[in-house]
C-alpha atoms as a PDB file:
ATOM      1  CA  UNK A   1     -21.123   4.846  29.391  1.00  0.00           C
ATOM      2  CA  UNK A   2     -18.044   2.752  28.689  1.00  0.00           C
ATOM      3  CA  UNK A   3     -18.775  -0.738  30.025  1.00  0.00           C
ATOM      4  CA  UNK A   4     -15.351  -2.053  29.027  1.00  0.00           C
ATOM      5  CA  UNK A   5     -16.764  -4.415  26.428  1.00  0.00           C
ATOM      6  CA  UNK A   6     -14.721  -5.208  23.343  1.00  0.00           C
ATOM      7  CA  UNK A   7     -16.371  -4.969  19.950  1.00  0.00           C
ATOM      8  CA  UNK A   8     -14.856  -6.036  16.602  1.00  0.00           C
ATOM      9  CA  UNK A   9     -13.244  -3.313  14.527  1.00  0.00           C
ATOM     10  CA  UNK A  10     -13.977  -5.320  11.378  1.00  0.00           C
ATOM     11  CA  UNK A  11     -14.574  -8.889  10.256  1.00  0.00           C
ATOM     12  CA  UNK A  12     -13.618 -10.686   7.066  1.00  0.00           C
ATOM     13  CA  UNK A  13     -17.297 -10.755   6.157  1.00  0.00           C
ATOM     14  CA  UNK A  14     -17.117  -6.962   5.715  1.00  0.00           C
ATOM     15  CA  UNK A  15     -15.275  -7.612   2.419  1.00  0.00           C
ATOM     16  CA  UNK A  16     -17.483  -9.505  -0.094  1.00  0.00           C
ATOM     17  CA  UNK A  17     -14.623 -10.467  -2.437  1.00  0.00           C
ATOM     18  CA  UNK A  18     -12.975 -12.504   0.334  1.00  0.00           C
ATOM     19  CA  UNK A  19     -15.876 -14.873   0.881  1.00  0.00           C
ATOM     20  CA  UNK A  20     -14.436 -18.395   1.419  1.00  0.00           C
ATOM     21  CA  UNK A  21     -10.889 -16.988   1.117  1.00  0.00           C
ATOM     22  CA  UNK A  22      -8.147 -16.458   3.668  1.00  0.00           C
ATOM     23  CA  UNK A  23      -7.302 -13.050   5.065  1.00  0.00           C
ATOM     24  CA  UNK A  24      -4.412 -12.483   7.445  1.00  0.00           C
ATOM     25  CA  UNK A  25      -4.608  -8.781   8.392  1.00  0.00           C
ATOM     26  CA  UNK A  26      -1.288  -7.160   9.230  1.00  0.00           C
ATOM     27  CA  UNK A  27      -1.785  -3.370   9.499  1.00  0.00           C
ATOM     28  CA  UNK A  28      -4.261  -0.483   9.347  1.00  0.00           C
ATOM     29  CA  UNK A  29      -3.365   2.862   7.788  1.00  0.00           C
ATOM     30  CA  UNK A  30      -2.741   5.765  10.187  1.00  0.00           C
ATOM     31  CA  UNK A  31      -5.986   7.459   9.107  1.00  0.00           C
ATOM     32  CA  UNK A  32      -7.986   4.279   9.726  1.00  0.00           C
ATOM     33  CA  UNK A  33      -9.328   3.990   6.170  1.00  0.00           C
ATOM     34  CA  UNK A  34      -7.276   1.127   4.720  1.00  0.00           C
ATOM     35  CA  UNK A  35      -6.400  -2.410   5.779  1.00  0.00           C
ATOM     36  CA  UNK A  36      -3.532  -4.508   4.442  1.00  0.00           C
ATOM     37  CA  UNK A  37      -2.904  -8.209   4.818  1.00  0.00           C
ATOM     38  CA  UNK A  38      -2.081 -11.296   2.818  1.00  0.00           C
ATOM     39  CA  UNK A  39      -4.626 -13.553   1.193  1.00  0.00           C
ATOM     40  CA  UNK A  40      -5.075 -16.521  -1.118  1.00  0.00           C
ATOM     41  CA  UNK A  41      -7.661 -14.582  -3.158  1.00  0.00           C
ATOM     42  CA  UNK A  42      -5.356 -14.507  -6.218  1.00  0.00           C
ATOM     43  CA  UNK A  43      -4.070 -18.098  -5.954  1.00  0.00           C
ATOM     44  CA  UNK A  44      -5.963 -19.347  -9.011  1.00  0.00           C
ATOM     45  CA  UNK A  45      -5.972 -15.974 -10.724  1.00  0.00           C
ATOM     46  CA  UNK A  46      -8.412 -13.176  -9.990  1.00  0.00           C
ATOM     47  CA  UNK A  47      -9.600  -9.931 -11.544  1.00  0.00           C
ATOM     48  CA  UNK A  48      -9.335  -7.419  -8.718  1.00  0.00           C
ATOM     49  CA  UNK A  49      -9.826  -3.673  -8.652  1.00  0.00           C
ATOM     50  CA  UNK A  50      -6.425  -2.967 -10.222  1.00  0.00           C
ATOM     51  CA  UNK A  51      -6.132  -5.818 -12.712  1.00  0.00           C
ATOM     52  CA  UNK A  52      -5.868  -9.566 -13.153  1.00  0.00           C
ATOM     53  CA  UNK A  53      -3.116 -11.272 -11.182  1.00  0.00           C
ATOM     54  CA  UNK A  54      -2.121 -14.767 -10.132  1.00  0.00           C
ATOM     55  CA  UNK A  55      -0.203 -15.181  -6.889  1.00  0.00           C
ATOM     56  CA  UNK A  56       0.123 -18.059  -4.428  1.00  0.00           C
ATOM     57  CA  UNK A  57       0.303 -15.487  -1.626  1.00  0.00           C
ATOM     58  CA  UNK A  58      -0.802 -11.916  -2.273  1.00  0.00           C
ATOM     59  CA  UNK A  59      -0.299  -8.751  -0.258  1.00  0.00           C
ATOM     60  CA  UNK A  60      -3.642  -6.986  -0.588  1.00  0.00           C
ATOM     61  CA  UNK A  61      -5.103  -3.565   0.178  1.00  0.00           C
ATOM     62  CA  UNK A  62      -8.709  -3.212   1.344  1.00  0.00           C
ATOM     63  CA  UNK A  63     -10.708  -0.004   1.695  1.00  0.00           C
ATOM     64  CA  UNK A  64     -13.129   0.281   4.629  1.00  0.00           C
ATOM     65  CA  UNK A  65     -15.003   2.997   2.705  1.00  0.00           C
ATOM     66  CA  UNK A  66     -15.327   0.778  -0.401  1.00  0.00           C
ATOM     67  CA  UNK A  67     -15.330  -2.805   0.929  1.00  0.00           C
ATOM     68  CA  UNK A  68     -16.379  -4.294  -2.415  1.00  0.00           C
ATOM     69  CA  UNK A  69     -12.924  -3.474  -3.821  1.00  0.00           C
ATOM     70  CA  UNK A  70      -9.629  -5.320  -3.438  1.00  0.00           C
ATOM     71  CA  UNK A  71      -6.226  -4.174  -4.702  1.00  0.00           C
ATOM     72  CA  UNK A  72      -3.124  -6.273  -5.216  1.00  0.00           C
ATOM     73  CA  UNK A  73      -0.130  -4.615  -3.568  1.00  0.00           C
ATOM     74  CA  UNK A  74       2.274  -7.319  -4.742  1.00  0.00           C
ATOM     75  CA  UNK A  75       3.030 -11.005  -4.734  1.00  0.00           C
ATOM     76  CA  UNK A  76       4.117 -11.967  -1.237  1.00  0.00           C
ATOM     77  CA  UNK A  77       3.150 -11.228   2.334  1.00  0.00           C
ATOM     78  CA  UNK A  78       3.548  -9.088   5.481  1.00  0.00           C
ATOM     79  CA  UNK A  79       2.409  -5.710   4.127  1.00  0.00           C
ATOM     80  CA  UNK A  80       2.709  -2.729   6.474  1.00  0.00           C
ATOM     81  CA  UNK A  81       2.024   0.994   6.242  1.00  0.00           C
ATOM     82  CA  UNK A  82       4.448   3.829   6.754  1.00  0.00           C
ATOM     83  CA  UNK A  83       3.159   5.943   9.658  1.00  0.00           C
ATOM     84  CA  UNK A  84       3.915   9.284   7.947  1.00  0.00           C
ATOM     85  CA  UNK A  85       3.074   8.893   4.239  1.00  0.00           C
ATOM     86  CA  UNK A  86       1.071   6.655   1.918  1.00  0.00           C
ATOM     87  CA  UNK A  87       3.657   3.952   1.183  1.00  0.00           C
ATOM     88  CA  UNK A  88       2.906   0.280   1.780  1.00  0.00           C
ATOM     89  CA  UNK A  89       5.898  -2.031   2.278  1.00  0.00           C
ATOM     90  CA  UNK A  90       5.773  -5.796   1.845  1.00  0.00           C
ATOM     91  CA  UNK A  91       7.917  -8.879   1.378  1.00  0.00           C
ATOM     92  CA  UNK A  92       8.010  -9.971  -2.248  1.00  0.00           C
ATOM     93  CA  UNK A  93       7.438 -13.690  -2.652  1.00  0.00           C
ATOM     94  CA  UNK A  94       9.419 -14.352  -5.802  1.00  0.00           C
ATOM     95  CA  UNK A  95       8.749 -14.320  -9.523  1.00  0.00           C
ATOM     96  CA  UNK A  96       9.466 -11.732 -12.182  1.00  0.00           C
ATOM     97  CA  UNK A  97       8.273  -8.827 -10.012  1.00  0.00           C
ATOM     98  CA  UNK A  98      11.063  -9.384  -7.476  1.00  0.00           C
ATOM     99  CA  UNK A  99      14.612  -8.489  -8.548  1.00  0.00           C
ATOM    100  CA  UNK A 100      15.906 -11.039  -6.019  1.00  0.00           C
ATOM    101  CA  UNK A 101      14.188 -13.547  -3.767  1.00  0.00           C
ATOM    102  CA  UNK A 102      12.448 -12.058  -0.719  1.00  0.00           C
ATOM    103  CA  UNK A 103      13.092  -8.431  -1.510  1.00  0.00           C
ATOM    104  CA  UNK A 104      11.065  -5.778   0.276  1.00  0.00           C
ATOM    105  CA  UNK A 105       8.945  -3.824  -2.180  1.00  0.00           C
ATOM    106  CA  UNK A 106       6.697  -0.790  -1.782  1.00  0.00           C
ATOM    107  CA  UNK A 107       3.634   0.767  -3.391  1.00  0.00           C
ATOM    108  CA  UNK A 108       1.889   4.081  -2.778  1.00  0.00           C
ATOM    109  CA  UNK A 109      -1.752   3.916  -1.727  1.00  0.00           C
ATOM    110  CA  UNK A 110      -2.461   6.784  -4.130  1.00  0.00           C
ATOM    111  CA  UNK A 111      -0.999   4.630  -6.930  1.00  0.00           C
ATOM    112  CA  UNK A 112      -2.977   1.498  -6.042  1.00  0.00           C
ATOM    113  CA  UNK A 113      -4.994   1.556  -9.287  1.00  0.00           C
ATOM    114  CA  UNK A 114      -2.115   1.660 -11.790  1.00  0.00           C
ATOM    115  CA  UNK A 115       0.856   0.413  -9.680  1.00  0.00           C
ATOM    116  CA  UNK A 116       3.200   2.593 -11.756  1.00  0.00           C
ATOM    117  CA  UNK A 117       5.545   3.218  -8.797  1.00  0.00           C
ATOM    118  CA  UNK A 118       5.796  -0.328  -7.468  1.00  0.00           C
ATOM    119  CA  UNK A 119       9.483  -0.595  -6.639  1.00  0.00           C
ATOM    120  CA  UNK A 120      12.140  -2.489  -4.718  1.00  0.00           C
ATOM    121  CA  UNK A 121      13.418  -1.012  -1.467  1.00  0.00           C
ATOM    122  CA  UNK A 122      15.662  -3.788  -0.200  1.00  0.00           C
ATOM    123  CA  UNK A 123      17.670  -5.691  -2.776  1.00  0.00           C
ATOM    124  CA  UNK A 124      20.011  -7.993  -0.904  1.00  0.00           C
ATOM    125  CA  UNK A 125      23.609  -7.345  -2.001  1.00  0.00           C
ATOM    126  CA  UNK A 126      24.632 -10.567  -0.231  1.00  0.00           C
ATOM    127  CA  UNK A 127      22.372 -13.498  -1.042  1.00  0.00           C
ATOM    128  CA  UNK A 128      23.608 -15.359   2.053  1.00  0.00           C
ATOM    129  CA  UNK A 129      20.875 -13.334   3.778  1.00  0.00           C
ATOM    130  CA  UNK A 130      18.250 -14.335   1.263  1.00  0.00           C
ATOM    131  CA  UNK A 131      15.077 -14.512   3.346  1.00  0.00           C
ATOM    132  CA  UNK A 132      13.907 -11.036   4.324  1.00  0.00           C
ATOM    133  CA  UNK A 133      10.830 -10.557   6.492  1.00  0.00           C
ATOM    134  CA  UNK A 134       8.949  -8.343   8.944  1.00  0.00           C
ATOM    135  CA  UNK A 135       9.416  -4.844   7.468  1.00  0.00           C
ATOM    136  CA  UNK A 136       8.563  -1.931   9.762  1.00  0.00           C
ATOM    137  CA  UNK A 137       8.997   1.779   9.053  1.00  0.00           C
ATOM    138  CA  UNK A 138      10.182   4.066  11.853  1.00  0.00           C
ATOM    139  CA  UNK A 139       7.711   6.581  13.231  1.00  0.00           C
ATOM    140  CA  UNK A 140       9.504   9.454  11.445  1.00  0.00           C
ATOM    141  CA  UNK A 141       9.523   7.644   8.084  1.00  0.00           C
ATOM    142  CA  UNK A 142      13.307   7.779   7.786  1.00  0.00           C
ATOM    143  CA  UNK A 143      14.251   4.154   8.443  1.00  0.00           C
ATOM    144  CA  UNK A 144      13.162   0.654   7.511  1.00  0.00           C
ATOM    145  CA  UNK A 145      13.851  -2.101  10.039  1.00  0.00           C
ATOM    146  CA  UNK A 146      13.513  -5.765   9.094  1.00  0.00           C
ATOM    147  CA  UNK A 147      14.772  -9.252   9.868  1.00  0.00           C
ATOM    148  CA  UNK A 148      16.615 -11.612   7.551  1.00  0.00           C
ATOM    149  CA  UNK A 149      17.928 -15.147   7.782  1.00  0.00           C
ATOM    150  CA  UNK A 150      20.411 -17.181   5.816  1.00  0.00           C
ATOM    151  CA  UNK A 151      19.335 -18.543   2.471  1.00  0.00           C
ATOM    152  CA  UNK A 152      17.852 -21.985   2.745  1.00  0.00           C
ATOM    153  CA  UNK A 153      16.266 -21.356   6.140  1.00  0.00           C
ATOM    154  CA  UNK A 154      12.699 -20.099   6.082  1.00  0.00           C
ATOM    155  CA  UNK A 155      10.965 -21.061   9.324  1.00  0.00           C
ATOM    156  CA  UNK A 156      10.241 -17.994  11.465  1.00  0.00           C
ATOM    157  CA  UNK A 157      10.426 -19.893  14.757  1.00  0.00           C
ATOM    158  CA  UNK A 158      13.690 -21.799  14.487  1.00  0.00           C
ATOM    159  CA  UNK A 159      15.917 -20.005  11.950  1.00  0.00           C
ATOM    160  CA  UNK A 160      18.685 -17.614  12.963  1.00  0.00           C
ATOM    161  CA  UNK A 161      17.228 -14.230  12.031  1.00  0.00           C
ATOM    162  CA  UNK A 162      19.277 -11.056  12.342  1.00  0.00           C
ATOM    163  CA  UNK A 163      18.071  -7.450  12.417  1.00  0.00           C
ATOM    164  CA  UNK A 164      18.889  -4.982   9.643  1.00  0.00           C
ATOM    165  CA  UNK A 165      18.302  -1.259   9.239  1.00  0.00           C
ATOM    166  CA  UNK A 166      18.164   0.833   6.076  1.00  0.00           C
ATOM    167  CA  UNK A 167      17.591   4.500   5.271  1.00  0.00           C
ATOM    168  CA  UNK A 168      14.525   5.293   3.184  1.00  0.00           C
ATOM    169  CA  UNK A 169      14.736   8.960   2.147  1.00  0.00           C
ATOM    170  CA  UNK A 170      17.982   8.224   0.324  1.00  0.00           C
ATOM    171  CA  UNK A 171      18.037   4.514  -0.416  1.00  0.00           C
ATOM    172  CA  UNK A 172      21.271   2.928   0.769  1.00  0.00           C
ATOM    173  CA  UNK A 173      22.735  -0.442   1.592  1.00  0.00           C
ATOM    174  CA  UNK A 174      21.323  -2.102   4.722  1.00  0.00           C
ATOM    175  CA  UNK A 175      23.176  -2.080   8.045  1.00  0.00           C
ATOM    176  CA  UNK A 176      23.304  -5.303  10.037  1.00  0.00           C
ATOM    177  CA  UNK A 177      22.577  -4.604  13.716  1.00  0.00           C
ATOM    178  CA  UNK A 178      22.704  -8.024  15.396  1.00  0.00           C
ATOM    179  CA  UNK A 179      25.364 -10.721  15.234  1.00  0.00           C
ATOM    180  CA  UNK A 180      24.423 -13.511  17.569  1.00  0.00           C
ATOM    181  CA  UNK A 181      22.845 -16.947  17.291  1.00  0.00           C
ATOM    182  CA  UNK A 182      19.177 -16.983  18.047  1.00  0.00           C
ATOM    183  CA  UNK A 183      15.961 -15.647  16.655  1.00  0.00           C
ATOM    184  CA  UNK A 184      16.022 -11.831  16.390  1.00  0.00           C
ATOM    185  CA  UNK A 185      12.728 -10.836  14.828  1.00  0.00           C
ATOM    186  CA  UNK A 186      10.007  -8.185  14.512  1.00  0.00           C
ATOM    187  CA  UNK A 187      12.312  -5.178  14.867  1.00  0.00           C
ATOM    188  CA  UNK A 188      11.040  -1.631  15.072  1.00  0.00           C
ATOM    189  CA  UNK A 189      12.682   1.765  15.422  1.00  0.00           C
ATOM    190  CA  UNK A 190      11.266   4.805  17.219  1.00  0.00           C
ATOM    191  CA  UNK A 191      12.891   8.210  16.714  1.00  0.00           C
ATOM    192  CA  UNK A 192      11.911  11.028  19.074  1.00  0.00           C
ATOM    193  CA  UNK A 193       8.469  11.129  20.615  1.00  0.00           C
ATOM    194  CA  UNK A 194       5.925   8.439  19.792  1.00  0.00           C
ATOM    195  CA  UNK A 195       3.270   9.741  17.389  1.00  0.00           C
ATOM    196  CA  UNK A 196      -0.264  10.143  18.783  1.00  0.00           C
ATOM    197  CA  UNK A 197      -2.835   7.583  17.647  1.00  0.00           C
ATOM    198  CA  UNK A 198      -5.188   8.794  14.903  1.00  0.00           C
ATOM    199  CA  UNK A 199      -7.176   5.612  14.355  1.00  0.00           C
ATOM    200  CA  UNK A 200     -10.925   6.224  14.319  1.00  0.00           C
ATOM    201  CA  UNK A 201     -13.864   4.314  12.892  1.00  0.00           C
ATOM    202  CA  UNK A 202     -16.837   6.456  13.949  1.00  0.00           C
END
């Protein structure tokens, strides 16, 4: 009988390699197997399941079926899954892996071991909008929505963020959707019917 009591889906303690480390979970894969988030696990350098990396902030992939493993998605934060395929998108935090500051990068879950297809999706053609955050893929997998603010402003509460949209199947330049002062953040785009939930942890 359903007594309406909440129970935790997971806890940080489920993942041994994150003991005494931060984990900020951001998304669960549509099939319920994988978790992404950002962590300080790699801050002083760490040998994870797909190599040794050093990153002040790291977008990480965790596997509920193999909780003793941890995979670096990329240096940065705010990883999110595509709802229709196995791509993970995240904000790149700088360094040699990012063509420009605060690009949005992506990695395939199936390529998590070798990271051979780690690639840029959003490369800002106009560096005035140099801080890109909050990537979300539309429910049909065709579009990437995100927010960006002017270079030099980073705070996500007070800066003037605007909303951008970009095609994914054929990568193209982003389209700016909003043009007003204020904080326009956490955009999302739904096309057609909302997909049915598939999340299950039986």
